[in-house]
């Protein structure tokens, strides 16, 4: 049976329940140990396959870990320890392009990560991983079909720029990122993609457009961004993401 690990965050806190309604089965929670801390994993088991869901913002308290404090090595290590056939990053993003209005799910084609902080599992030996083609083409094709069915279009080959947060970006930063080739901006995919590249596991990023990037709201370039609204918009895309996961369970690796 296929095994898929999902790393998700903003707006996806109840994703396991939505996925259960889509594929059936049962769920449970267990904890994975790592050198960087304990990671809770929501296990969903159905006749279609097994899904391991990790909230990248998990915390031992009621507070959610802010993006710049996430221990991505713990999350990726936990996901990889589940021995998945595919690892799916679900990323809430701000959009710079008309093809990705808030509420639309697209597929990341590349990452523009110029952040200073390095992320690696290899601190004591020089290991240099190739990142020319970071995402799995078969998974992209499967999710493209699912997105076309569920939302009428499937934006893909999108370039996602990594910013560290926790503040949203300024309009000038967004303008500069666009000139560098970015279509989307987010705070979590860069470290995940770097670490996953070291693990030899197929990877795909589903980008959930949760807001217009700063200065890009049509007709209102001064419109502000607040996380509550971003979270609420992201929640509306859980069904679309669950359909992608269902399609991947049925077709990936065939």
Protein backbone atom coordinates (compact mmCIF):
# COMPACT_ATOMS: atom_id res chain seq x y z
CA UNK A 1 0.00 0.00 0.00
CA UNK A 2 1.29 3.50 -0.78
CA UNK A 3 2.68 5.61 2.03
CA UNK A 4 2.63 9.43 1.89
CA UNK A 5 4.01 11.91 4.42
CA UNK A 6 2.51 15.41 4.54
CA UNK A 7 4.14 18.48 6.08
CA UNK A 8 1.55 21.21 6.52
CA UNK A 9 0.87 24.33 8.57
CA UNK A 10 -1.30 27.42 8.27
CA UNK A 11 -5.00 26.59 7.88
CA UNK A 12 -4.38 22.83 7.97
CA UNK A 13 -4.80 22.10 11.68
CA UNK A 14 -7.87 19.93 11.00
CA UNK A 15 -6.54 18.41 7.80
CA UNK A 16 -6.63 14.82 9.09
CA UNK A 17 -10.41 15.04 9.61
CA UNK A 18 -10.92 16.39 6.09
CA UNK A 19 -8.72 13.65 4.65
CA UNK A 20 -10.63 10.98 6.58
CA UNK A 21 -13.88 12.21 5.07
CA UNK A 22 -12.27 11.90 1.63
CA UNK A 23 -10.57 8.48 1.86
CA UNK A 24 -12.19 6.85 4.89
CA UNK A 25 -10.29 4.77 7.42
CA UNK A 26 -9.15 5.60 10.93
CA UNK A 27 -6.64 7.93 12.57
CA UNK A 28 -4.27 7.90 15.50
CA UNK A 29 -1.44 10.02 16.91
CA UNK A 30 2.07 8.86 17.70
CA UNK A 31 5.38 10.59 18.39
CA UNK A 32 8.65 10.30 16.47
CA UNK A 33 11.93 10.87 18.26
CA UNK A 34 14.80 12.81 16.71
CA UNK A 35 18.04 14.51 17.73
CA UNK A 36 16.17 17.79 17.44
CA UNK A 37 13.11 16.99 19.50
CA UNK A 38 9.92 14.96 19.54
CA UNK A 39 7.47 15.31 16.65
CA UNK A 40 3.73 14.43 16.84
CA UNK A 41 2.44 12.61 13.75
CA UNK A 42 -1.21 12.12 12.88
CA UNK A 43 -1.56 8.71 11.24
CA UNK A 44 -4.41 8.12 8.79
CA UNK A 45 -4.85 4.52 7.64
CA UNK A 46 -7.35 3.54 4.96
CA UNK A 47 -7.82 0.94 2.24
CA UNK A 48 -6.25 3.48 -0.14
CA UNK A 49 -2.99 3.65 1.79
CA UNK A 50 -1.29 5.30 4.76
CA UNK A 51 -0.78 9.03 5.31
CA UNK A 52 1.50 10.55 7.95
CA UNK A 53 0.52 14.16 8.70
CA UNK A 54 2.94 16.50 10.49
CA UNK A 55 1.98 20.01 11.56
CA UNK A 56 5.28 21.83 11.05
CA UNK A 57 4.27 24.41 13.69
CA UNK A 58 3.66 21.83 16.42
CA UNK A 59 4.46 22.89 19.96
CA UNK A 60 4.45 21.28 23.38
CA UNK A 61 2.23 24.15 24.56
CA UNK A 62 -0.96 25.68 23.18
CA UNK A 63 1.11 28.21 21.25
CA UNK A 64 2.14 27.51 17.65
CA UNK A 65 5.82 27.67 16.78
CA UNK A 66 6.52 30.76 14.62
CA UNK A 67 8.08 30.06 11.21
CA UNK A 68 11.56 31.35 12.08
CA UNK A 69 11.70 29.01 15.11
CA UNK A 70 10.59 25.79 13.40
CA UNK A 71 13.09 22.96 13.78
CA UNK A 72 12.80 21.70 10.21
CA UNK A 73 15.37 18.95 10.78
CA UNK A 74 13.09 17.34 13.37
CA UNK A 75 10.06 17.53 11.07
CA UNK A 76 11.81 16.20 7.98
CA UNK A 77 13.61 13.49 9.95
CA UNK A 78 10.26 12.39 11.43
CA UNK A 79 8.62 12.33 8.01
CA UNK A 80 11.47 10.34 6.48
CA UNK A 81 11.44 7.87 9.38
CA UNK A 82 7.93 6.86 8.28
CA UNK A 83 9.52 5.50 5.07
CA UNK A 84 7.08 7.26 2.71
CA UNK A 85 7.00 6.78 -1.04
CA UNK A 86 6.39 10.51 -1.38
CA UNK A 87 6.73 13.57 0.83
CA UNK A 88 4.22 16.39 0.26
CA UNK A 89 4.87 19.92 1.49
CA UNK A 90 1.67 21.96 1.78
CA UNK A 91 2.71 25.61 1.92
CA UNK A 92 0.62 28.70 2.61
CA UNK A 93 1.90 31.45 0.31
CA UNK A 94 1.37 35.02 -0.76
CA UNK A 95 0.74 35.46 -4.47
CA UNK A 96 2.45 37.83 -6.90
CA UNK A 97 0.63 36.51 -9.95
CA UNK A 98 -2.93 36.77 -11.27
CA UNK A 99 -3.03 33.03 -11.97
CA UNK A 100 -2.88 32.35 -8.22
CA UNK A 101 -5.58 34.42 -6.48
CA UNK A 102 -6.31 33.69 -2.82
CA UNK A 103 -8.11 30.35 -2.55
CA UNK A 104 -6.23 28.76 -5.46
CA UNK A 105 -3.86 25.79 -5.07
CA UNK A 106 -0.85 25.55 -7.39
CA UNK A 107 2.24 23.41 -7.78
CA UNK A 108 5.70 24.72 -7.02
CA UNK A 109 8.29 24.17 -9.73
CA UNK A 110 11.32 25.69 -8.04
CA UNK A 111 12.48 27.50 -4.92
CA UNK A 112 14.24 30.85 -4.67
CA UNK A 113 15.88 30.65 -1.25
CA UNK A 114 18.46 33.33 -0.51
CA UNK A 115 18.13 33.08 3.27
CA UNK A 116 21.42 33.21 5.13
CA UNK A 117 20.79 30.36 7.57
CA UNK A 118 21.93 26.94 6.26
CA UNK A 119 19.79 23.83 6.71
CA UNK A 120 21.45 20.41 6.46
CA UNK A 121 21.76 17.04 8.16
CA UNK A 122 25.51 17.09 7.42
CA UNK A 123 27.34 19.42 9.81
CA UNK A 124 30.53 17.37 10.08
CA UNK A 125 31.26 16.32 6.50
CA UNK A 126 30.92 18.16 3.19
CA UNK A 127 27.92 16.66 1.39
CA UNK A 128 26.65 18.63 -1.62
CA UNK A 129 23.25 17.60 -2.96
CA UNK A 130 22.02 18.42 -6.46
CA UNK A 131 18.82 20.51 -6.51
CA UNK A 132 18.42 20.99 -10.26
CA UNK A 133 15.07 19.14 -10.31
CA UNK A 134 13.75 19.26 -6.77
CA UNK A 135 10.22 17.99 -7.34
CA UNK A 136 8.83 14.70 -8.66
CA UNK A 137 7.36 14.91 -12.17
CA UNK A 138 4.97 11.97 -11.73
CA UNK A 139 3.52 13.51 -8.56
CA UNK A 140 3.19 16.85 -10.36
CA UNK A 141 1.25 15.23 -13.23
CA UNK A 142 -1.11 13.45 -10.81
CA UNK A 143 -1.79 16.60 -8.78
CA UNK A 144 -2.24 18.66 -11.96
CA UNK A 145 -5.10 16.38 -13.02
CA UNK A 146 -6.64 16.51 -9.56
CA UNK A 147 -6.46 20.30 -9.39
CA UNK A 148 -7.95 20.67 -12.85
CA UNK A 149 -10.86 18.49 -11.74
CA UNK A 150 -11.44 20.24 -8.41
CA UNK A 151 -10.77 23.90 -9.24
CA UNK A 152 -10.81 24.10 -13.03
CA UNK A 153 -7.12 24.92 -13.43
CA UNK A 154 -3.73 23.82 -12.15
CA UNK A 155 -1.11 26.57 -11.99
CA UNK A 156 2.33 24.95 -11.98
CA UNK A 157 6.02 25.67 -12.60
CA UNK A 158 5.65 28.36 -9.96
CA UNK A 159 8.75 29.84 -8.31
CA UNK A 160 8.33 30.17 -4.56
CA UNK A 161 10.61 32.68 -2.80
CA UNK A 162 11.67 31.78 0.74
CA UNK A 163 11.45 34.52 3.37
CA UNK A 164 12.13 33.88 7.04
CA UNK A 165 9.27 35.83 8.66
CA UNK A 166 7.59 36.05 11.05
CA UNK A 167 6.62 39.43 9.60
CA UNK A 168 4.98 39.57 6.20
CA UNK A 169 7.09 41.09 3.45
CA UNK A 170 7.13 44.75 2.43
CA UNK A 171 5.97 45.89 -1.05
CA UNK A 172 9.56 46.74 -2.00
CA UNK A 173 10.73 43.27 -1.00
CA UNK A 174 7.96 41.75 -3.09
CA UNK A 175 8.94 43.91 -6.10
CA UNK A 176 12.56 42.78 -5.76
CA UNK A 177 11.59 39.12 -5.47
CA UNK A 178 9.45 39.39 -8.59
CA UNK A 179 12.41 40.81 -10.53
CA UNK A 180 14.39 37.77 -9.40
CA UNK A 181 11.72 35.48 -10.85
CA UNK A 182 9.37 34.74 -7.94
CA UNK A 183 5.65 34.09 -8.41
CA UNK A 184 4.91 33.24 -4.77
CA UNK A 185 6.38 33.99 -1.37
CA UNK A 186 6.36 31.84 1.76
CA UNK A 187 8.20 31.13 5.01
CA UNK A 188 8.67 27.34 5.19
CA UNK A 189 9.43 25.55 1.91
CA UNK A 190 13.05 26.63 1.54
CA UNK A 191 14.42 24.72 4.55
CA UNK A 192 12.17 21.70 3.89
CA UNK A 193 13.24 21.43 0.25
CA UNK A 194 16.93 21.66 1.20
CA UNK A 195 16.67 18.94 3.83
CA UNK A 196 14.49 16.65 1.75
CA UNK A 197 17.02 16.88 -1.10
CA UNK A 198 19.47 15.10 1.22
CA UNK A 199 17.08 12.22 1.91
CA UNK A 200 16.54 10.71 -1.56
CA UNK A 201 12.74 10.78 -1.23
CA UNK A 202 10.34 12.01 -3.91
CA UNK A 203 8.95 15.44 -3.04
CA UNK A 204 6.20 17.76 -4.21
CA UNK A 205 5.09 21.18 -2.94
CA UNK A 206 1.42 22.19 -3.13
CA UNK A 207 1.20 25.97 -2.76
CA UNK A 208 -1.97 27.34 -1.17
CA UNK A 209 -2.50 30.99 -2.11
CA UNK A 210 -3.74 32.47 1.15
CA UNK A 211 -3.30 36.17 0.38
CA UNK A 212 -2.06 38.63 -2.19
CA UNK A 213 1.54 39.57 -1.48
CA UNK A 214 2.14 43.02 -0.02
CA UNK A 215 1.19 45.75 -2.49
CA UNK A 216 -0.42 43.30 -4.94
CA UNK A 217 -4.09 43.34 -3.93
CA UNK A 218 -5.97 44.28 -7.15
CA UNK A 219 -7.37 47.80 -6.88
CA UNK A 220 -5.93 48.34 -3.40
CA UNK A 221 -2.11 48.29 -3.25
CA UNK A 222 -2.25 49.58 0.35
CA UNK A 223 -4.34 46.65 1.58
CA UNK A 224 -2.96 45.15 4.78
CA UNK A 225 -2.34 41.47 5.53
CA UNK A 226 -3.36 39.81 8.79
CA UNK A 227 -2.67 36.22 9.78
CA UNK A 228 -6.23 35.52 10.95
CA UNK A 229 -7.59 36.19 7.45
CA UNK A 230 -4.73 34.23 5.88
CA UNK A 231 -5.52 31.23 8.12
CA UNK A 232 -9.22 31.35 7.24
CA UNK A 233 -8.54 31.41 3.51
CA UNK A 234 -6.04 28.55 3.84
CA UNK A 235 -8.68 26.47 5.61
CA UNK A 236 -10.89 26.64 2.51
CA UNK A 237 -8.25 24.76 0.50
CA UNK A 238 -8.10 21.69 2.76
CA UNK A 239 -10.64 19.83 0.62
CA UNK A 240 -8.68 20.52 -2.55
CA UNK A 241 -5.46 19.29 -0.91
CA UNK A 242 -7.21 16.15 0.37
CA UNK A 243 -8.33 15.34 -3.18
CA UNK A 244 -4.71 15.63 -4.33
CA UNK A 245 -3.61 13.24 -1.59
CA UNK A 246 -6.37 10.80 -2.57
CA UNK A 247 -5.21 10.93 -6.19
CA UNK A 248 -1.60 10.39 -5.16
CA UNK A 249 -2.58 7.36 -3.08
CA UNK A 250 -4.34 5.89 -6.06
CA UNK A 251 -1.79 6.62 -8.77
CA UNK A 252 1.70 7.47 -7.48
CA UNK A 253 4.18 4.68 -8.05
CA UNK A 254 1.93 2.71 -10.42
